[in-house]
Amino acid sequence: VSKSVLLATLLASMDYDVRFVAQYFNDEQMYSHVYVETLDKGLQEWKPLDPVASDKPIGWTQSLPDGGFETPYDIF
């Protein structure tokens, strides 16, 4: 979570629209992972940025098992 907070803060300081996305493996657990999304203003769509997935391309997200879900949270 700390890397996501740092990334979101840096992007926001450069005037990007950012939000957190919490991933849940199922409805019985707390969140399992958090990543950042930034708004591509040209395309008007959110692009995922996962600071702990340094070996993955931009736009990659961790896949979820059946029953898993994601919830976006606006932060600024």
PDB file of N, CA and C in Angstrom:
ATOM      1  N   VAL A   1       0.826  -1.190   0.000  1.00  0.00           N
ATOM      2  CA  VAL A   1       0.000   0.000   0.000  1.00  0.00           C
ATOM      3  C   VAL A   1       0.873   1.258   0.000  1.00  0.00           C
ATOM      4  N   SER A   2       2.008   1.226   0.684  1.00  0.00           N
ATOM      5  CA  SER A   2       2.862   2.414   0.782  1.00  0.00           C
ATOM      6  C   SER A   2       3.347   2.887  -0.583  1.00  0.00           C
ATOM      7  N   LYS A   3       3.713   1.945  -1.458  1.00  0.00           N
ATOM      8  CA  LYS A   3       4.161   2.343  -2.800  1.00  0.00           C
ATOM      9  C   LYS A   3       3.010   2.949  -3.596  1.00  0.00           C
ATOM     10  N   SER A   4       1.815   2.451  -3.409  1.00  0.00           N
ATOM     11  CA  SER A   4       0.657   3.017  -4.098  1.00  0.00           C
ATOM     12  C   SER A   4       0.370   4.432  -3.606  1.00  0.00           C
ATOM     13  N   VAL A   5       0.504   4.665  -2.310  1.00  0.00           N
ATOM     14  CA  VAL A   5       0.297   6.008  -1.752  1.00  0.00           C
ATOM     15  C   VAL A   5       1.340   6.963  -2.318  1.00  0.00           C
ATOM     16  N   LEU A   6       2.595   6.531  -2.369  1.00  0.00           N
ATOM     17  CA  LEU A   6       3.661   7.366  -2.920  1.00  0.00           C
ATOM     18  C   LEU A   6       3.402   7.678  -4.387  1.00  0.00           C
ATOM     19  N   LEU A   7       3.076   6.673  -5.186  1.00  0.00           N
ATOM     20  CA  LEU A   7       2.807   6.885  -6.602  1.00  0.00           C
ATOM     21  C   LEU A   7       1.631   7.827  -6.806  1.00  0.00           C
ATOM     22  N   ALA A   8       0.544   7.626  -6.075  1.00  0.00           N
ATOM     23  CA  ALA A   8      -0.630   8.492  -6.199  1.00  0.00           C
ATOM     24  C   ALA A   8      -0.295   9.933  -5.829  1.00  0.00           C
ATOM     25  N   THR A   9       0.487  10.118  -4.781  1.00  0.00           N
ATOM     26  CA  THR A   9       0.870  11.464  -4.343  1.00  0.00           C
ATOM     27  C   THR A   9       1.734  12.159  -5.395  1.00  0.00           C
ATOM     28  N   LEU A  10       2.703  11.435  -5.944  1.00  0.00           N
ATOM     29  CA  LEU A  10       3.560  12.017  -6.977  1.00  0.00           C
ATOM     30  C   LEU A  10       2.756  12.398  -8.221  1.00  0.00           C
ATOM     31  N   LEU A  11       1.869  11.511  -8.654  1.00  0.00           N
ATOM     32  CA  LEU A  11       1.042  11.817  -9.829  1.00  0.00           C
ATOM     33  C   LEU A  11       0.114  12.999  -9.568  1.00  0.00           C
ATOM     34  N   ALA A  12      -0.496  13.033  -8.399  1.00  0.00           N
ATOM     35  CA  ALA A  12      -1.399  14.138  -8.059  1.00  0.00           C
ATOM     36  C   ALA A  12      -0.638  15.461  -8.001  1.00  0.00           C
ATOM     37  N   SER A  13       0.598  15.436  -7.525  1.00  0.00           N
ATOM     38  CA  SER A  13       1.387  16.670  -7.456  1.00  0.00           C
ATOM     39  C   SER A  13       1.740  17.187  -8.849  1.00  0.00           C
ATOM     40  N   MET A  14       1.652  16.315  -9.859  1.00  0.00           N
ATOM     41  CA  MET A  14       1.887  16.716 -11.251  1.00  0.00           C
ATOM     42  C   MET A  14       0.569  16.935 -11.993  1.00  0.00           C
ATOM     43  N   ASP A  15      -0.530  17.080 -11.232  1.00  0.00           N
ATOM     44  CA  ASP A  15      -1.855  17.407 -11.754  1.00  0.00           C
ATOM     45  C   ASP A  15      -2.539  16.272 -12.529  1.00  0.00           C
ATOM     46  N   TYR A  16      -2.202  15.039 -12.211  1.00  0.00           N
ATOM     47  CA  TYR A  16      -2.921  13.892 -12.767  1.00  0.00           C
ATOM     48  C   TYR A  16      -4.105  13.573 -11.857  1.00  0.00           C
ATOM     49  N   ASP A  17      -5.201  13.109 -12.446  1.00  0.00           N
ATOM     50  CA  ASP A  17      -6.327  12.598 -11.670  1.00  0.00           C
ATOM     51  C   ASP A  17      -5.997  11.156 -11.304  1.00  0.00           C
ATOM     52  N   VAL A  18      -6.044  10.832 -10.013  1.00  0.00           N
ATOM     53  CA  VAL A  18      -5.687   9.487  -9.567  1.00  0.00           C
ATOM     54  C   VAL A  18      -6.728   8.950  -8.584  1.00  0.00           C
ATOM     55  N   ARG A  19      -6.760   7.632  -8.483  1.00  0.00           N
ATOM     56  CA  ARG A  19      -7.603   6.971  -7.487  1.00  0.00           C
ATOM     57  C   ARG A  19      -6.948   5.639  -7.124  1.00  0.00           C
ATOM     58  N   PHE A  20      -7.338   5.101  -5.990  1.00  0.00           N
ATOM     59  CA  PHE A  20      -6.902   3.779  -5.581  1.00  0.00           C
ATOM     60  C   PHE A  20      -7.926   2.751  -6.042  1.00  0.00           C
ATOM     61  N   VAL A  21      -7.466   1.545  -6.292  1.00  0.00           N
ATOM     62  CA  VAL A  21      -8.354   0.416  -6.560  1.00  0.00           C
ATOM     63  C   VAL A  21      -7.963  -0.697  -5.599  1.00  0.00           C
ATOM     64  N   ALA A  22      -8.904  -1.113  -4.754  1.00  0.00           N
ATOM     65  CA  ALA A  22      -8.672  -2.207  -3.809  1.00  0.00           C
ATOM     66  C   ALA A  22      -9.203  -3.495  -4.422  1.00  0.00           C
ATOM     67  N   GLN A  23      -8.393  -4.524  -4.358  1.00  0.00           N
ATOM     68  CA  GLN A  23      -8.798  -5.834  -4.859  1.00  0.00           C
ATOM     69  C   GLN A  23      -9.138  -6.739  -3.682  1.00  0.00           C
ATOM     70  N   TYR A  24     -10.212  -7.475  -3.831  1.00  0.00           N
ATOM     71  CA  TYR A  24     -10.680  -8.426  -2.830  1.00  0.00           C
ATOM     72  C   TYR A  24     -10.750  -9.807  -3.476  1.00  0.00           C
ATOM     73  N   PHE A  25     -10.202 -10.817  -2.816  1.00  0.00           N
ATOM     74  CA  PHE A  25     -10.281 -12.170  -3.372  1.00  0.00           C
ATOM     75  C   PHE A  25     -11.675 -12.758  -3.251  1.00  0.00           C
ATOM     76  N   ASN A  26     -12.405 -12.371  -2.196  1.00  0.00           N
ATOM     77  CA  ASN A  26     -13.790 -12.802  -2.041  1.00  0.00           C
ATOM     78  C   ASN A  26     -14.460 -11.864  -1.050  1.00  0.00           C
ATOM     79  N   ASP A  27     -15.752 -12.032  -0.829  1.00  0.00           N
ATOM     80  CA  ASP A  27     -16.483 -11.105   0.032  1.00  0.00           C
ATOM     81  C   ASP A  27     -16.300 -11.381   1.524  1.00  0.00           C
ATOM     82  N   GLU A  28     -15.481 -12.372   1.876  1.00  0.00           N
ATOM     83  CA  GLU A  28     -15.256 -12.699   3.283  1.00  0.00           C
ATOM     84  C   GLU A  28     -13.924 -12.167   3.807  1.00  0.00           C
ATOM     85  N   GLN A  29     -13.090 -11.602   2.947  1.00  0.00           N
ATOM     86  CA  GLN A  29     -11.768 -11.133   3.343  1.00  0.00           C
ATOM     87  C   GLN A  29     -11.663  -9.625   3.243  1.00  0.00           C
ATOM     88  N   MET A  30     -10.662  -9.095   3.940  1.00  0.00           N
ATOM     89  CA  MET A  30     -10.294  -7.701   3.742  1.00  0.00           C
ATOM     90  C   MET A  30      -9.631  -7.604   2.369  1.00  0.00           C
ATOM     91  N   TYR A  31      -9.312  -6.400   1.952  1.00  0.00           N
ATOM     92  CA  TYR A  31      -8.672  -6.265   0.650  1.00  0.00           C
ATOM     93  C   TYR A  31      -7.352  -7.025   0.643  1.00  0.00           C
ATOM     94  N   SER A  32      -6.930  -7.460  -0.537  1.00  0.00           N
ATOM     95  CA  SER A  32      -5.696  -8.225  -0.653  1.00  0.00           C
ATOM     96  C   SER A  32      -4.603  -7.447  -1.380  1.00  0.00           C
ATOM     97  N   HIS A  33      -4.997  -6.418  -2.141  1.00  0.00           N
ATOM     98  CA  HIS A  33      -4.020  -5.665  -2.923  1.00  0.00           C
ATOM     99  C   HIS A  33      -4.617  -4.310  -3.276  1.00  0.00           C
ATOM    100  N   VAL A  34      -3.752  -3.305  -3.372  1.00  0.00           N
ATOM    101  CA  VAL A  34      -4.179  -1.961  -3.779  1.00  0.00           C
ATOM    102  C   VAL A  34      -3.241  -1.479  -4.869  1.00  0.00           C
ATOM    103  N   TYR A  35      -3.819  -0.930  -5.932  1.00  0.00           N
ATOM    104  CA  TYR A  35      -3.004  -0.299  -6.962  1.00  0.00           C
ATOM    105  C   TYR A  35      -3.619   1.055  -7.311  1.00  0.00           C
ATOM    106  N   VAL A  36      -2.954   1.780  -8.192  1.00  0.00           N
ATOM    107  CA  VAL A  36      -3.351   3.145  -8.545  1.00  0.00           C
ATOM    108  C   VAL A  36      -3.885   3.154  -9.975  1.00  0.00           C
ATOM    109  N   GLU A  37      -4.867   3.983 -10.230  1.00  0.00           N
ATOM    110  CA  GLU A  37      -5.306   4.265 -11.597  1.00  0.00           C
ATOM    111  C   GLU A  37      -5.182   5.760 -11.833  1.00  0.00           C
ATOM    112  N   THR A  38      -4.798   6.121 -13.050  1.00  0.00           N
ATOM    113  CA  THR A  38      -4.758   7.526 -13.441  1.00  0.00           C
ATOM    114  C   THR A  38      -5.640   7.717 -14.668  1.00  0.00           C
ATOM    115  N   LEU A  39      -6.269   8.856 -14.749  1.00  0.00           N
ATOM    116  CA  LEU A  39      -7.200   9.127 -15.848  1.00  0.00           C
ATOM    117  C   LEU A  39      -6.446   9.596 -17.077  1.00  0.00           C
ATOM    118  N   ASP A  40      -6.604   8.875 -18.173  1.00  0.00           N
ATOM    119  CA  ASP A  40      -6.091   9.316 -19.467  1.00  0.00           C
ATOM    120  C   ASP A  40      -7.120  10.298 -20.005  1.00  0.00           C
ATOM    121  N   LYS A  41      -6.802  11.588 -19.917  1.00  0.00           N
ATOM    122  CA  LYS A  41      -7.786  12.617 -20.263  1.00  0.00           C
ATOM    123  C   LYS A  41      -8.143  12.615 -21.742  1.00  0.00           C
ATOM    124  N   GLY A  42      -7.212  12.198 -22.593  1.00  0.00           N
ATOM    125  CA  GLY A  42      -7.496  12.135 -24.023  1.00  0.00           C
ATOM    126  C   GLY A  42      -8.519  11.067 -24.358  1.00  0.00           C
ATOM    127  N   LEU A  43      -8.361   9.903 -23.757  1.00  0.00           N
ATOM    128  CA  LEU A  43      -9.272   8.781 -24.013  1.00  0.00           C
ATOM    129  C   LEU A  43     -10.431   8.723 -23.026  1.00  0.00           C
ATOM    130  N   GLN A  44     -10.342   9.510 -21.942  1.00  0.00           N
ATOM    131  CA  GLN A  44     -11.349   9.495 -20.879  1.00  0.00           C
ATOM    132  C   GLN A  44     -11.560   8.091 -20.325  1.00  0.00           C
ATOM    133  N   GLU A  45     -10.424   7.419 -20.042  1.00  0.00           N
ATOM    134  CA  GLU A  45     -10.503   6.109 -19.403  1.00  0.00           C
ATOM    135  C   GLU A  45      -9.387   5.990 -18.370  1.00  0.00           C
ATOM    136  N   TRP A  46      -9.639   5.165 -17.371  1.00  0.00           N
ATOM    137  CA  TRP A  46      -8.688   4.964 -16.287  1.00  0.00           C
ATOM    138  C   TRP A  46      -7.652   3.930 -16.694  1.00  0.00           C
ATOM    139  N   LYS A  47      -6.374   4.236 -16.427  1.00  0.00           N
ATOM    140  CA  LYS A  47      -5.261   3.338 -16.732  1.00  0.00           C
ATOM    141  C   LYS A  47      -4.656   2.827 -15.425  1.00  0.00           C
ATOM    142  N   PRO A  48      -4.528   1.516 -15.269  1.00  0.00           N
ATOM    143  CA  PRO A  48      -3.957   0.973 -14.041  1.00  0.00           C
ATOM    144  C   PRO A  48      -2.431   1.117 -14.008  1.00  0.00           C
ATOM    145  N   LEU A  49      -1.926   1.436 -12.824  1.00  0.00           N
ATOM    146  CA  LEU A  49      -0.486   1.515 -12.563  1.00  0.00           C
ATOM    147  C   LEU A  49      -0.235   0.785 -11.248  1.00  0.00           C
ATOM    148  N   ASP A  50       0.519  -0.299 -11.308  1.00  0.00           N
ATOM    149  CA  ASP A  50       0.765  -1.094 -10.108  1.00  0.00           C
ATOM    150  C   ASP A  50       2.241  -0.968  -9.735  1.00  0.00           C
ATOM    151  N   PRO A  51       2.556  -0.203  -8.686  1.00  0.00           N
ATOM    152  CA  PRO A  51       3.958   0.044  -8.362  1.00  0.00           C
ATOM    153  C   PRO A  51       4.734  -1.174  -7.868  1.00  0.00           C
ATOM    154  N   VAL A  52       4.069  -2.242  -7.470  1.00  0.00           N
ATOM    155  CA  VAL A  52       4.792  -3.431  -7.026  1.00  0.00           C
ATOM    156  C   VAL A  52       4.976  -4.442  -8.151  1.00  0.00           C
ATOM    157  N   ALA A  53       4.447  -4.165  -9.309  1.00  0.00           N
ATOM    158  CA  ALA A  53       4.579  -5.064 -10.460  1.00  0.00           C
ATOM    159  C   ALA A  53       5.603  -4.494 -11.433  1.00  0.00           C
ATOM    160  N   SER A  54       6.811  -4.274 -10.942  1.00  0.00           N
ATOM    161  CA  SER A  54       7.837  -3.618 -11.754  1.00  0.00           C
ATOM    162  C   SER A  54       8.263  -4.452 -12.961  1.00  0.00           C
ATOM    163  N   ASP A  55       8.018  -5.738 -12.935  1.00  0.00           N
ATOM    164  CA  ASP A  55       8.384  -6.592 -14.066  1.00  0.00           C
ATOM    165  C   ASP A  55       7.241  -6.751 -15.075  1.00  0.00           C
ATOM    166  N   LYS A  56       6.143  -6.041 -14.857  1.00  0.00           N
ATOM    167  CA  LYS A  56       4.970  -6.128 -15.739  1.00  0.00           C
ATOM    168  C   LYS A  56       4.817  -4.823 -16.518  1.00  0.00           C
ATOM    169  N   PRO A  57       4.158  -4.861 -17.676  1.00  0.00           N
ATOM    170  CA  PRO A  57       3.966  -3.629 -18.463  1.00  0.00           C
ATOM    171  C   PRO A  57       2.926  -2.707 -17.821  1.00  0.00           C
ATOM    172  N   ILE A  58       3.004  -1.433 -18.150  1.00  0.00           N
ATOM    173  CA  ILE A  58       1.998  -0.475 -17.690  1.00  0.00           C
ATOM    174  C   ILE A  58       0.639  -0.939 -18.185  1.00  0.00           C
ATOM    175  N   GLY A  59      -0.340  -0.900 -17.316  1.00  0.00           N
ATOM    176  CA  GLY A  59      -1.679  -1.356 -17.668  1.00  0.00           C
ATOM    177  C   GLY A  59      -1.997  -2.754 -17.166  1.00  0.00           C
ATOM    178  N   TRP A  60      -0.976  -3.450 -16.646  1.00  0.00           N
ATOM    179  CA  TRP A  60      -1.180  -4.796 -16.113  1.00  0.00           C
ATOM    180  C   TRP A  60      -1.875  -4.708 -14.765  1.00  0.00           C
ATOM    181  N   THR A  61      -2.769  -5.642 -14.494  1.00  0.00           N
ATOM    182  CA  THR A  61      -3.365  -5.768 -13.162  1.00  0.00           C
ATOM    183  C   THR A  61      -3.354  -7.234 -12.753  1.00  0.00           C
ATOM    184  N   GLN A  62      -3.293  -7.451 -11.463  1.00  0.00           N
ATOM    185  CA  GLN A  62      -3.321  -8.801 -10.908  1.00  0.00           C
ATOM    186  C   GLN A  62      -4.687  -9.408 -11.189  1.00  0.00           C
ATOM    187  N   SER A  63      -4.715 -10.615 -11.720  1.00  0.00           N
ATOM    188  CA  SER A  63      -6.014 -11.254 -11.983  1.00  0.00           C
ATOM    189  C   SER A  63      -6.629 -11.729 -10.672  1.00  0.00           C
ATOM    190  N   LEU A  64      -7.931 -11.801 -10.684  1.00  0.00           N
ATOM    191  CA  LEU A  64      -8.688 -12.197  -9.495  1.00  0.00           C
ATOM    192  C   LEU A  64      -9.323 -13.564  -9.694  1.00  0.00           C
ATOM    193  N   PRO A  65      -9.466 -14.334  -8.620  1.00  0.00           N
ATOM    194  CA  PRO A  65     -10.161 -15.611  -8.737  1.00  0.00           C
ATOM    195  C   PRO A  65     -11.663 -15.395  -8.911  1.00  0.00           C
ATOM    196  N   ASP A  66     -12.374 -16.453  -9.263  1.00  0.00           N
ATOM    197  CA  ASP A  66     -13.834 -16.366  -9.335  1.00  0.00           C
ATOM    198  C   ASP A  66     -14.358 -15.867  -7.989  1.00  0.00           C
ATOM    199  N   GLY A  67     -15.243 -14.911  -8.020  1.00  0.00           N
ATOM    200  CA  GLY A  67     -15.794 -14.335  -6.796  1.00  0.00           C
ATOM    201  C   GLY A  67     -15.019 -13.131  -6.301  1.00  0.00           C
ATOM    202  N   GLY A  68     -13.841 -12.873  -6.887  1.00  0.00           N
ATOM    203  CA  GLY A  68     -13.068 -11.696  -6.508  1.00  0.00           C
ATOM    204  C   GLY A  68     -13.637 -10.447  -7.170  1.00  0.00           C
ATOM    205  N   PHE A  69     -13.335  -9.301  -6.598  1.00  0.00           N
ATOM    206  CA  PHE A  69     -13.839  -8.058  -7.173  1.00  0.00           C
ATOM    207  C   PHE A  69     -12.921  -6.904  -6.806  1.00  0.00           C
ATOM    208  N   GLU A  70     -13.119  -5.781  -7.483  1.00  0.00           N
ATOM    209  CA  GLU A  70     -12.339  -4.573  -7.251  1.00  0.00           C
ATOM    210  C   GLU A  70     -13.267  -3.415  -6.918  1.00  0.00           C
ATOM    211  N   THR A  71     -12.770  -2.494  -6.115  1.00  0.00           N
ATOM    212  CA  THR A  71     -13.531  -1.292  -5.760  1.00  0.00           C
ATOM    213  C   THR A  71     -12.624  -0.081  -5.893  1.00  0.00           C
ATOM    214  N   PRO A  72     -12.986   0.891  -6.769  1.00  0.00           N
ATOM    215  CA  PRO A  72     -12.175   2.111  -6.886  1.00  0.00           C
ATOM    216  C   PRO A  72     -12.542   3.110  -5.778  1.00  0.00           C
ATOM    217  N   TYR A  73     -11.550   3.867  -5.337  1.00  0.00           N
ATOM    218  CA  TYR A  73     -11.734   4.890  -4.309  1.00  0.00           C
ATOM    219  C   TYR A  73     -11.092   6.187  -4.774  1.00  0.00           C
ATOM    220  N   ASP A  74     -11.909   7.230  -4.967  1.00  0.00           N
ATOM    221  CA  ASP A  74     -11.363   8.548  -5.273  1.00  0.00           C
ATOM    222  C   ASP A  74     -10.647   9.063  -4.045  1.00  0.00           C
ATOM    223  N   ILE A  75      -9.497   9.709  -4.239  1.00  0.00           N
ATOM    224  CA  ILE A  75      -8.717  10.138  -3.079  1.00  0.00           C
ATOM    225  C   ILE A  75      -8.420  11.624  -3.061  1.00  0.00           C
ATOM    226  N   PHE A  76      -8.467  12.299  -4.182  1.00  0.00           N
ATOM    227  CA  PHE A  76      -8.177  13.743  -4.193  1.00  0.00           C
ATOM    228  C   PHE A  76      -9.303  14.490  -4.858  1.00  0.00           C
TER     229      PHE A  76
END
